Amino acid sequence: MSGRRDRRLHGLSHEHHHALVLARRARLAEERGASDPEALWEDIQKEFARSILPHFVVEEERMLPPLRARGEGALVERTLRDHEELRRLIASSKPRLREFGEALFRHVRLEESELFDRAEERLTDAELDALERARPVIRRARGGAIPLASRSSANETRALARSLEDAHREIDPRRKRE
């Protein structure tokens, strides 16, 4: 790639900055011995639900299916495995600060260095436009967060995304009601 990210991916890329801050916060807390790791872990879980899970929904519903259809199955599977690992880690009642921080850092690097480059190369303009439009609609439909209470698996997250059909129809009015 030219080094310049397609403007339609700027929002998702910007969310990666926040994810890196969260990853660093978790890793440093573990390294420095957080005074109240349980409270910090709870804060990190809330932030994950507020910002990272909606990001996953957008990717899993709008980016990964067309990439898989264009022969990027291995990269899609790797991304989904990362998402599942992060969901598993964050669902832990015991703080797993370092492990979570390292996994999140690696995942963001994968998306920035490979996934988004492939998306820019392989997705159509219409798919990139739909991806850009999906972010605020999904956030608004969920009130800015996806609850962690269910400790969402990839399948649960996809089911949640399907339940957002009205929001998706706002993105693409031609979409038919199922």
N, C-alpha and C. Protein backbone atom coordinates (compact mmCIF):
# COMPACT_ATOMS: atom_id res chain seq x y z
N MET A 1 0.84 -1.19 0.00
CA MET A 1 0.00 0.00 0.00
C MET A 1 0.88 1.25 0.00
N SER A 2 0.26 2.35 -0.29
CA SER A 2 0.99 3.60 -0.43
C SER A 2 1.40 4.19 0.92
N GLY A 3 0.93 3.63 2.02
CA GLY A 3 1.23 4.18 3.32
C GLY A 3 0.10 5.07 3.82
N ARG A 4 -0.83 5.39 2.94
CA ARG A 4 -1.99 6.19 3.33
C ARG A 4 -3.20 5.28 3.41
N ARG A 5 -3.86 5.29 4.54
CA ARG A 5 -5.04 4.47 4.76
C ARG A 5 -6.22 5.09 4.04
N ASP A 6 -7.03 4.25 3.38
CA ASP A 6 -8.27 4.71 2.74
C ASP A 6 -9.12 5.41 3.80
N ARG A 7 -9.65 6.57 3.45
CA ARG A 7 -10.41 7.38 4.42
C ARG A 7 -11.56 6.61 5.04
N ARG A 8 -12.11 5.63 4.31
CA ARG A 8 -13.25 4.88 4.83
C ARG A 8 -12.85 3.90 5.93
N LEU A 9 -11.56 3.69 6.09
CA LEU A 9 -11.06 2.84 7.18
C LEU A 9 -10.48 3.66 8.32
N HIS A 10 -10.50 4.98 8.19
CA HIS A 10 -9.92 5.84 9.23
C HIS A 10 -10.59 5.61 10.58
N GLY A 11 -11.90 5.48 10.60
CA GLY A 11 -12.59 5.29 11.88
C GLY A 11 -12.16 4.02 12.58
N LEU A 12 -12.12 2.92 11.84
CA LEU A 12 -11.68 1.66 12.43
C LEU A 12 -10.21 1.75 12.85
N SER A 13 -9.41 2.39 12.04
CA SER A 13 -7.99 2.55 12.36
C SER A 13 -7.82 3.41 13.61
N HIS A 14 -8.62 4.45 13.73
CA HIS A 14 -8.57 5.31 14.91
C HIS A 14 -8.95 4.52 16.17
N GLU A 15 -9.91 3.62 16.03
CA GLU A 15 -10.29 2.77 17.16
C GLU A 15 -9.12 1.89 17.60
N HIS A 16 -8.25 1.55 16.67
CA HIS A 16 -7.07 0.76 17.03
C HIS A 16 -6.15 1.55 17.96
N HIS A 17 -6.08 2.85 17.77
CA HIS A 17 -5.27 3.66 18.69
C HIS A 17 -5.77 3.49 20.11
N HIS A 18 -7.08 3.56 20.30
CA HIS A 18 -7.66 3.39 21.64
C HIS A 18 -7.41 1.98 22.16
N ALA A 19 -7.47 1.00 21.29
CA ALA A 19 -7.19 -0.38 21.70
C ALA A 19 -5.74 -0.52 22.16
N LEU A 20 -4.82 0.14 21.46
CA LEU A 20 -3.40 0.07 21.87
C LEU A 20 -3.18 0.74 23.22
N VAL A 21 -3.89 1.82 23.48
CA VAL A 21 -3.81 2.48 24.78
C VAL A 21 -4.31 1.52 25.86
N LEU A 22 -5.41 0.85 25.60
CA LEU A 22 -5.95 -0.12 26.55
C LEU A 22 -4.98 -1.28 26.76
N ALA A 23 -4.39 -1.78 25.69
CA ALA A 23 -3.41 -2.87 25.80
C ALA A 23 -2.21 -2.45 26.65
N ARG A 24 -1.73 -1.25 26.40
CA ARG A 24 -0.58 -0.74 27.16
C ARG A 24 -0.95 -0.58 28.63
N ARG A 25 -2.12 -0.06 28.88
CA ARG A 25 -2.58 0.12 30.26
C ARG A 25 -2.61 -1.22 31.00
N ALA A 26 -3.11 -2.24 30.35
CA ALA A 26 -3.18 -3.57 30.98
C ALA A 26 -1.78 -4.12 31.23
N ARG A 27 -0.92 -4.02 30.23
CA ARG A 27 0.44 -4.58 30.39
C ARG A 27 1.23 -3.84 31.47
N LEU A 28 1.15 -2.51 31.47
CA LEU A 28 1.88 -1.74 32.47
C LEU A 28 1.36 -2.00 33.88
N ALA A 29 0.07 -2.15 34.01
CA ALA A 29 -0.50 -2.43 35.33
C ALA A 29 0.04 -3.74 35.88
N GLU A 30 0.15 -4.72 35.03
CA GLU A 30 0.69 -6.01 35.45
C GLU A 30 2.17 -5.87 35.81
N GLU A 31 2.93 -5.18 34.96
CA GLU A 31 4.37 -5.02 35.20
C GLU A 31 4.65 -4.23 36.48
N ARG A 32 3.85 -3.22 36.72
CA ARG A 32 4.11 -2.32 37.86
C ARG A 32 3.37 -2.74 39.12
N GLY A 33 2.57 -3.80 39.02
CA GLY A 33 1.83 -4.27 40.19
C GLY A 33 0.71 -3.32 40.57
N ALA A 34 -0.37 -3.36 39.84
CA ALA A 34 -1.52 -2.49 40.09
C ALA A 34 -2.00 -2.65 41.53
N SER A 35 -2.36 -1.53 42.17
CA SER A 35 -2.80 -1.57 43.57
C SER A 35 -4.13 -2.30 43.74
N ASP A 36 -5.00 -2.21 42.72
CA ASP A 36 -6.30 -2.90 42.77
C ASP A 36 -6.56 -3.54 41.41
N PRO A 37 -5.91 -4.68 41.12
CA PRO A 37 -6.04 -5.28 39.79
C PRO A 37 -7.48 -5.68 39.44
N GLU A 38 -8.27 -6.04 40.43
CA GLU A 38 -9.66 -6.43 40.14
C GLU A 38 -10.47 -5.24 39.63
N ALA A 39 -10.31 -4.09 40.28
CA ALA A 39 -11.03 -2.89 39.83
C ALA A 39 -10.54 -2.46 38.44
N LEU A 40 -9.24 -2.52 38.23
CA LEU A 40 -8.69 -2.18 36.92
C LEU A 40 -9.22 -3.13 35.86
N TRP A 41 -9.26 -4.42 36.17
CA TRP A 41 -9.76 -5.42 35.23
C TRP A 41 -11.22 -5.13 34.87
N GLU A 42 -12.00 -4.75 35.86
CA GLU A 42 -13.40 -4.41 35.62
C GLU A 42 -13.51 -3.19 34.69
N ASP A 43 -12.67 -2.20 34.90
CA ASP A 43 -12.65 -1.03 34.01
C ASP A 43 -12.27 -1.43 32.59
N ILE A 44 -11.28 -2.30 32.46
CA ILE A 44 -10.85 -2.76 31.14
C ILE A 44 -11.96 -3.55 30.47
N GLN A 45 -12.67 -4.38 31.22
CA GLN A 45 -13.80 -5.13 30.66
C GLN A 45 -14.88 -4.18 30.15
N LYS A 46 -15.17 -3.13 30.90
CA LYS A 46 -16.18 -2.16 30.47
C LYS A 46 -15.74 -1.44 29.19
N GLU A 47 -14.49 -1.05 29.13
CA GLU A 47 -13.98 -0.38 27.94
C GLU A 47 -13.99 -1.31 26.73
N PHE A 48 -13.66 -2.55 26.95
CA PHE A 48 -13.70 -3.55 25.89
C PHE A 48 -15.13 -3.65 25.33
N ALA A 49 -16.12 -3.72 26.22
CA ALA A 49 -17.52 -3.80 25.79
C ALA A 49 -17.95 -2.54 25.05
N ARG A 50 -17.47 -1.40 25.52
CA ARG A 50 -17.89 -0.13 24.93
C ARG A 50 -17.25 0.12 23.57
N SER A 51 -16.00 -0.24 23.41
CA SER A 51 -15.33 0.17 22.18
C SER A 51 -14.84 -0.97 21.30
N ILE A 52 -14.40 -2.05 21.88
CA ILE A 52 -13.79 -3.10 21.05
C ILE A 52 -14.82 -4.07 20.50
N LEU A 53 -15.79 -4.49 21.30
CA LEU A 53 -16.80 -5.41 20.76
C LEU A 53 -17.58 -4.83 19.59
N PRO A 54 -18.01 -3.56 19.64
CA PRO A 54 -18.68 -3.01 18.45
C PRO A 54 -17.75 -2.99 17.22
N HIS A 55 -16.49 -2.75 17.44
CA HIS A 55 -15.49 -2.79 16.38
C HIS A 55 -15.44 -4.20 15.76
N PHE A 56 -15.45 -5.22 16.62
CA PHE A 56 -15.46 -6.60 16.13
C PHE A 56 -16.71 -6.87 15.28
N VAL A 57 -17.86 -6.41 15.74
CA VAL A 57 -19.11 -6.64 15.01
C VAL A 57 -19.02 -6.07 13.60
N VAL A 58 -18.52 -4.85 13.48
CA VAL A 58 -18.39 -4.22 12.17
C VAL A 58 -17.48 -5.06 11.28
N GLU A 59 -16.34 -5.45 11.81
CA GLU A 59 -15.41 -6.25 11.01
C GLU A 59 -16.02 -7.60 10.63
N GLU A 60 -16.62 -8.27 11.59
CA GLU A 60 -17.15 -9.62 11.35
C GLU A 60 -18.34 -9.63 10.41
N GLU A 61 -19.09 -8.55 10.39
CA GLU A 61 -20.27 -8.51 9.55
C GLU A 61 -20.05 -7.81 8.21
N ARG A 62 -19.12 -6.86 8.16
CA ARG A 62 -18.98 -6.05 6.95
C ARG A 62 -17.65 -6.22 6.21
N MET A 63 -16.61 -6.63 6.92
CA MET A 63 -15.30 -6.73 6.28
C MET A 63 -14.91 -8.17 5.99
N LEU A 64 -15.05 -9.03 6.96
CA LEU A 64 -14.52 -10.39 6.81
C LEU A 64 -15.27 -11.24 5.78
N PRO A 65 -16.61 -11.20 5.70
CA PRO A 65 -17.27 -12.03 4.68
C PRO A 65 -16.82 -11.73 3.24
N PRO A 66 -16.76 -10.46 2.83
CA PRO A 66 -16.31 -10.24 1.45
C PRO A 66 -14.83 -10.60 1.24
N LEU A 67 -14.01 -10.44 2.27
CA LEU A 67 -12.61 -10.85 2.13
C LEU A 67 -12.50 -12.36 1.96
N ARG A 68 -13.29 -13.10 2.73
CA ARG A 68 -13.29 -14.56 2.59
C ARG A 68 -13.72 -14.94 1.17
N ALA A 69 -14.74 -14.27 0.66
CA ALA A 69 -15.26 -14.57 -0.68
C ALA A 69 -14.22 -14.28 -1.76
N ARG A 70 -13.24 -13.45 -1.46
CA ARG A 70 -12.20 -13.11 -2.44
C ARG A 70 -10.89 -13.83 -2.16
N GLY A 71 -10.98 -14.96 -1.46
CA GLY A 71 -9.82 -15.82 -1.30
C GLY A 71 -8.92 -15.52 -0.11
N GLU A 72 -9.38 -14.70 0.81
CA GLU A 72 -8.57 -14.35 1.98
C GLU A 72 -8.99 -15.15 3.22
N GLY A 73 -9.39 -16.40 3.00
CA GLY A 73 -9.89 -17.24 4.09
C GLY A 73 -8.92 -17.41 5.24
N ALA A 74 -7.64 -17.59 4.97
CA ALA A 74 -6.66 -17.80 6.03
C ALA A 74 -6.55 -16.55 6.92
N LEU A 75 -6.51 -15.38 6.31
CA LEU A 75 -6.44 -14.14 7.07
C LEU A 75 -7.72 -13.92 7.87
N VAL A 76 -8.86 -14.22 7.27
CA VAL A 76 -10.13 -14.09 7.97
C VAL A 76 -10.16 -15.01 9.18
N GLU A 77 -9.74 -16.26 9.01
CA GLU A 77 -9.74 -17.22 10.13
C GLU A 77 -8.80 -16.77 11.23
N ARG A 78 -7.65 -16.25 10.86
CA ARG A 78 -6.69 -15.75 11.86
C ARG A 78 -7.30 -14.59 12.65
N THR A 79 -7.97 -13.70 11.96
CA THR A 79 -8.63 -12.57 12.61
C THR A 79 -9.72 -13.06 13.56
N LEU A 80 -10.54 -14.00 13.11
CA LEU A 80 -11.62 -14.53 13.96
C LEU A 80 -11.06 -15.27 15.18
N ARG A 81 -9.95 -15.97 15.00
CA ARG A 81 -9.32 -16.65 16.15
C ARG A 81 -8.85 -15.62 17.17
N ASP A 82 -8.27 -14.53 16.68
CA ASP A 82 -7.85 -13.45 17.59
C ASP A 82 -9.05 -12.88 18.33
N HIS A 83 -10.13 -12.60 17.61
CA HIS A 83 -11.33 -12.06 18.25
C HIS A 83 -11.82 -13.01 19.34
N GLU A 84 -11.86 -14.29 19.03
CA GLU A 84 -12.33 -15.28 20.00
C GLU A 84 -11.40 -15.35 21.21
N GLU A 85 -10.09 -15.31 20.98
CA GLU A 85 -9.14 -15.33 22.10
C GLU A 85 -9.34 -14.11 22.99
N LEU A 86 -9.52 -12.94 22.40
CA LEU A 86 -9.73 -11.73 23.19
C LEU A 86 -11.04 -11.80 23.97
N ARG A 87 -12.09 -12.33 23.36
CA ARG A 87 -13.35 -12.50 24.08
C ARG A 87 -13.18 -13.46 25.26
N ARG A 88 -12.44 -14.52 25.04
CA ARG A 88 -12.20 -15.51 26.10
C ARG A 88 -11.41 -14.87 27.25
N LEU A 89 -10.37 -14.14 26.92
CA LEU A 89 -9.55 -13.51 27.95
C LEU A 89 -10.34 -12.49 28.75
N ILE A 90 -11.08 -11.64 28.07
CA ILE A 90 -11.80 -10.56 28.76
C ILE A 90 -12.95 -11.12 29.62
N ALA A 91 -13.43 -12.30 29.30
CA ALA A 91 -14.52 -12.91 30.06
C ALA A 91 -14.06 -13.48 31.39
N SER A 92 -12.77 -13.56 31.59
CA SER A 92 -12.24 -14.13 32.83
C SER A 92 -12.61 -13.26 34.03
N SER A 93 -13.05 -13.91 35.09
CA SER A 93 -13.34 -13.16 36.31
C SER A 93 -12.04 -12.79 37.04
N LYS A 94 -10.98 -13.52 36.77
CA LYS A 94 -9.67 -13.25 37.34
C LYS A 94 -8.91 -12.33 36.38
N PRO A 95 -8.33 -11.25 36.88
CA PRO A 95 -7.59 -10.35 35.99
C PRO A 95 -6.47 -11.08 35.24
N ARG A 96 -6.46 -10.89 33.94
CA ARG A 96 -5.43 -11.47 33.08
C ARG A 96 -4.81 -10.32 32.28
N LEU A 97 -4.30 -9.37 33.01
CA LEU A 97 -3.87 -8.09 32.43
C LEU A 97 -2.78 -8.23 31.38
N ARG A 98 -1.69 -8.89 31.72
CA ARG A 98 -0.58 -8.99 30.78
C ARG A 98 -0.99 -9.79 29.55
N GLU A 99 -1.62 -10.94 29.77
CA GLU A 99 -2.01 -11.80 28.65
C GLU A 99 -2.98 -11.07 27.71
N PHE A 100 -3.96 -10.39 28.30
CA PHE A 100 -4.91 -9.63 27.51
C PHE A 100 -4.21 -8.50 26.74
N GLY A 101 -3.38 -7.74 27.43
CA GLY A 101 -2.68 -6.62 26.80
C GLY A 101 -1.81 -7.07 25.64
N GLU A 102 -1.10 -8.16 25.82
CA GLU A 102 -0.23 -8.66 24.75
C GLU A 102 -1.05 -9.17 23.56
N ALA A 103 -2.15 -9.88 23.85
CA ALA A 103 -3.00 -10.41 22.77
C ALA A 103 -3.64 -9.26 22.00
N LEU A 104 -4.12 -8.24 22.70
CA LEU A 104 -4.75 -7.10 22.03
C LEU A 104 -3.72 -6.35 21.17
N PHE A 105 -2.52 -6.16 21.70
CA PHE A 105 -1.47 -5.49 20.94
C PHE A 105 -1.16 -6.26 19.65
N ARG A 106 -0.97 -7.56 19.75
CA ARG A 106 -0.67 -8.38 18.56
C ARG A 106 -1.82 -8.31 17.55
N HIS A 107 -3.05 -8.33 18.05
CA HIS A 107 -4.21 -8.31 17.16
C HIS A 107 -4.29 -6.99 16.39
N VAL A 108 -4.10 -5.89 17.08
CA VAL A 108 -4.15 -4.58 16.40
C VAL A 108 -3.07 -4.52 15.32
N ARG A 109 -1.89 -5.01 15.63
CA ARG A 109 -0.81 -5.01 14.64
C ARG A 109 -1.18 -5.85 13.43
N LEU A 110 -1.81 -6.99 13.65
CA LEU A 110 -2.26 -7.84 12.53
C LEU A 110 -3.24 -7.06 11.65
N GLU A 111 -4.21 -6.44 12.27
CA GLU A 111 -5.22 -5.73 11.49
C GLU A 111 -4.61 -4.56 10.73
N GLU A 112 -3.75 -3.80 11.37
CA GLU A 112 -3.16 -2.64 10.71
C GLU A 112 -2.17 -3.03 9.62
N SER A 113 -1.41 -4.09 9.84
CA SER A 113 -0.36 -4.43 8.88
C SER A 113 -0.82 -5.38 7.79
N GLU A 114 -1.91 -6.14 8.02
CA GLU A 114 -2.35 -7.09 7.01
C GLU A 114 -3.83 -6.94 6.64
N LEU A 115 -4.70 -7.02 7.63
CA LEU A 115 -6.14 -7.05 7.34
C LEU A 115 -6.61 -5.79 6.61
N PHE A 116 -6.26 -4.63 7.11
CA PHE A 116 -6.74 -3.40 6.49
C PHE A 116 -6.11 -3.19 5.12
N ASP A 117 -4.85 -3.60 4.97
CA ASP A 117 -4.23 -3.51 3.65
C ASP A 117 -4.99 -4.37 2.64
N ARG A 118 -5.34 -5.58 3.05
CA ARG A 118 -6.10 -6.47 2.16
C ARG A 118 -7.48 -5.90 1.88
N ALA A 119 -8.10 -5.33 2.89
CA ALA A 119 -9.42 -4.72 2.69
C ALA A 119 -9.34 -3.61 1.65
N GLU A 120 -8.32 -2.78 1.73
CA GLU A 120 -8.16 -1.70 0.76
C GLU A 120 -7.94 -2.25 -0.65
N GLU A 121 -7.22 -3.35 -0.74
CA GLU A 121 -6.93 -3.93 -2.05
C GLU A 121 -8.12 -4.70 -2.63
N ARG A 122 -8.88 -5.39 -1.78
CA ARG A 122 -9.85 -6.38 -2.27
C ARG A 122 -11.31 -5.97 -2.17
N LEU A 123 -11.66 -5.07 -1.25
CA LEU A 123 -13.07 -4.69 -1.12
C LEU A 123 -13.44 -3.67 -2.20
N THR A 124 -14.67 -3.74 -2.63
CA THR A 124 -15.17 -2.76 -3.61
C THR A 124 -15.42 -1.43 -2.92
N ASP A 125 -15.58 -0.39 -3.71
CA ASP A 125 -15.93 0.91 -3.14
C ASP A 125 -17.23 0.83 -2.35
N ALA A 126 -18.20 0.11 -2.87
CA ALA A 126 -19.49 -0.02 -2.17
C ALA A 126 -19.31 -0.74 -0.83
N GLU A 127 -18.46 -1.74 -0.78
CA GLU A 127 -18.22 -2.46 0.48
C GLU A 127 -17.48 -1.58 1.49
N LEU A 128 -16.51 -0.82 1.02
CA LEU A 128 -15.80 0.10 1.91
C LEU A 128 -16.75 1.19 2.42
N ASP A 129 -17.62 1.69 1.54
CA ASP A 129 -18.61 2.69 1.97
C ASP A 129 -19.54 2.11 3.03
N ALA A 130 -20.01 0.88 2.83
CA ALA A 130 -20.91 0.23 3.79
C ALA A 130 -20.19 0.00 5.11
N LEU A 131 -18.94 -0.34 5.06
CA LEU A 131 -18.14 -0.54 6.27
C LEU A 131 -18.04 0.76 7.06
N GLU A 132 -17.78 1.84 6.36
CA GLU A 132 -17.68 3.15 7.01
C GLU A 132 -19.02 3.55 7.64
N ARG A 133 -20.12 3.32 6.93
CA ARG A 133 -21.44 3.69 7.44
C ARG A 133 -21.88 2.82 8.61
N ALA A 134 -21.40 1.59 8.67
CA ALA A 134 -21.85 0.65 9.71
C ALA A 134 -21.39 1.04 11.10
N ARG A 135 -20.22 1.62 11.24
CA ARG A 135 -19.67 1.91 12.56
C ARG A 135 -20.59 2.74 13.44
N PRO A 136 -20.98 3.93 13.03
CA PRO A 136 -21.81 4.73 13.94
C PRO A 136 -23.20 4.15 14.13
N VAL A 137 -23.73 3.49 13.14
CA VAL A 137 -25.08 2.92 13.25
C VAL A 137 -25.10 1.79 14.28
N ILE A 138 -24.12 0.92 14.22
CA ILE A 138 -24.07 -0.18 15.18
C ILE A 138 -23.85 0.36 16.58
N ARG A 139 -22.98 1.33 16.73
CA ARG A 139 -22.76 1.93 18.05
C ARG A 139 -24.05 2.57 18.58
N ARG A 140 -24.73 3.31 17.74
CA ARG A 140 -25.95 3.98 18.16
C ARG A 140 -27.03 2.96 18.52
N ALA A 141 -27.15 1.91 17.72
CA ALA A 141 -28.17 0.89 17.97
C ALA A 141 -27.93 0.17 19.29
N ARG A 142 -26.69 0.07 19.71
CA ARG A 142 -26.35 -0.62 20.95
C ARG A 142 -26.12 0.35 22.09
N GLY A 143 -26.40 1.63 21.90
CA GLY A 143 -26.16 2.60 22.96
C GLY A 143 -24.68 2.77 23.25
N GLY A 144 -23.84 2.50 22.26
CA GLY A 144 -22.42 2.69 22.43
C GLY A 144 -21.69 1.50 23.00
N ALA A 145 -22.40 0.44 23.37
CA ALA A 145 -21.71 -0.70 23.97
C ALA A 145 -22.45 -1.99 23.69
N ILE A 146 -21.71 -3.04 23.76
CA ILE A 146 -22.28 -4.38 23.69
C ILE A 146 -22.05 -4.98 25.07
N PRO A 147 -23.10 -5.42 25.74
CA PRO A 147 -22.94 -5.89 27.11
C PRO A 147 -21.99 -7.07 27.20
N LEU A 148 -21.19 -7.06 28.24
CA LEU A 148 -20.28 -8.17 28.50
C LEU A 148 -20.97 -9.26 29.30
N ALA A 149 -22.15 -9.00 29.81
CA ALA A 149 -22.80 -9.97 30.68
C ALA A 149 -22.85 -11.36 30.07
N SER A 150 -23.08 -11.42 28.77
CA SER A 150 -23.16 -12.72 28.12
C SER A 150 -21.78 -13.26 27.76
N ARG A 151 -20.72 -12.44 27.94
CA ARG A 151 -19.37 -12.87 27.59
C ARG A 151 -19.39 -13.45 26.19
N SER A 152 -19.76 -12.61 25.27
CA SER A 152 -20.05 -12.99 23.89
C SER A 152 -18.99 -13.86 23.24
N SER A 153 -19.45 -14.92 22.60
CA SER A 153 -18.60 -15.71 21.72
C SER A 153 -18.74 -15.12 20.33
N ALA A 154 -17.96 -15.61 19.41
CA ALA A 154 -18.07 -15.12 18.02
C ALA A 154 -19.48 -15.36 17.49
N ASN A 155 -20.05 -16.53 17.78
CA ASN A 155 -21.41 -16.82 17.29
C ASN A 155 -22.43 -15.91 17.94
N GLU A 156 -22.28 -15.65 19.24
CA GLU A 156 -23.22 -14.75 19.91
C GLU A 156 -23.10 -13.34 19.34
N THR A 157 -21.88 -12.92 19.05
CA THR A 157 -21.69 -11.59 18.49
C THR A 157 -22.33 -11.50 17.12
N ARG A 158 -22.16 -12.55 16.31
CA ARG A 158 -22.80 -12.54 14.99
C ARG A 158 -24.33 -12.54 15.14
N ALA A 159 -24.85 -13.27 16.13
CA ALA A 159 -26.29 -13.26 16.36
C ALA A 159 -26.75 -11.86 16.77
N LEU A 160 -25.96 -11.20 17.61
CA LEU A 160 -26.28 -9.83 18.00
C LEU A 160 -26.30 -8.94 16.77
N ALA A 161 -25.31 -9.09 15.92
CA ALA A 161 -25.26 -8.26 14.71
C ALA A 161 -26.48 -8.49 13.84
N ARG A 162 -26.91 -9.76 13.75
CA ARG A 162 -28.12 -10.04 12.96
C ARG A 162 -29.34 -9.38 13.59
N SER A 163 -29.34 -9.26 14.92
CA SER A 163 -30.47 -8.62 15.58
C SER A 163 -30.51 -7.12 15.32
N LEU A 164 -29.45 -6.60 14.75
CA LEU A 164 -29.38 -5.17 14.43
C LEU A 164 -29.83 -4.90 12.99
N GLU A 165 -30.70 -5.74 12.47
CA GLU A 165 -31.14 -5.58 11.08
C GLU A 165 -31.70 -4.19 10.80
N ASP A 166 -32.46 -3.63 11.71
CA ASP A 166 -32.99 -2.29 11.48
C ASP A 166 -31.86 -1.28 11.29
N ALA A 167 -30.82 -1.42 12.09
CA ALA A 167 -29.68 -0.53 11.95
C ALA A 167 -29.01 -0.74 10.61
N HIS A 168 -28.88 -1.99 10.20
CA HIS A 168 -28.27 -2.27 8.91
C HIS A 168 -29.13 -1.73 7.77
N ARG A 169 -30.44 -1.78 7.94
CA ARG A 169 -31.30 -1.23 6.88
C ARG A 169 -31.14 0.28 6.80
N GLU A 170 -30.82 0.91 7.90
CA GLU A 170 -30.54 2.34 7.86
C GLU A 170 -29.28 2.60 7.03
N ILE A 171 -28.33 1.69 7.12
CA ILE A 171 -27.10 1.81 6.34
C ILE A 171 -27.39 1.58 4.87
N ASP A 172 -28.20 0.57 4.59
CA ASP A 172 -28.50 0.19 3.21
C ASP A 172 -30.01 -0.02 3.08
N PRO A 173 -30.74 1.02 2.71
CA PRO A 173 -32.20 0.94 2.65
C PRO A 173 -32.72 -0.12 1.68
N ARG A 174 -31.89 -0.57 0.76
CA ARG A 174 -32.33 -1.59 -0.20
C ARG A 174 -32.37 -2.98 0.45
N ARG A 175 -31.81 -3.11 1.62
CA ARG A 175 -31.75 -4.37 2.34
C ARG A 175 -33.17 -4.86 2.64
N LYS A 176 -33.44 -6.11 2.36
CA LYS A 176 -34.77 -6.67 2.58
C LYS A 176 -34.92 -7.20 3.98
N ARG A 177 -36.12 -7.09 4.51
CA ARG A 177 -36.44 -7.63 5.82
C ARG A 177 -36.51 -9.15 5.72
N GLU A 178 -35.84 -9.83 6.66
CA GLU A 178 -35.84 -11.30 6.64
C GLU A 178 -36.94 -11.86 7.48
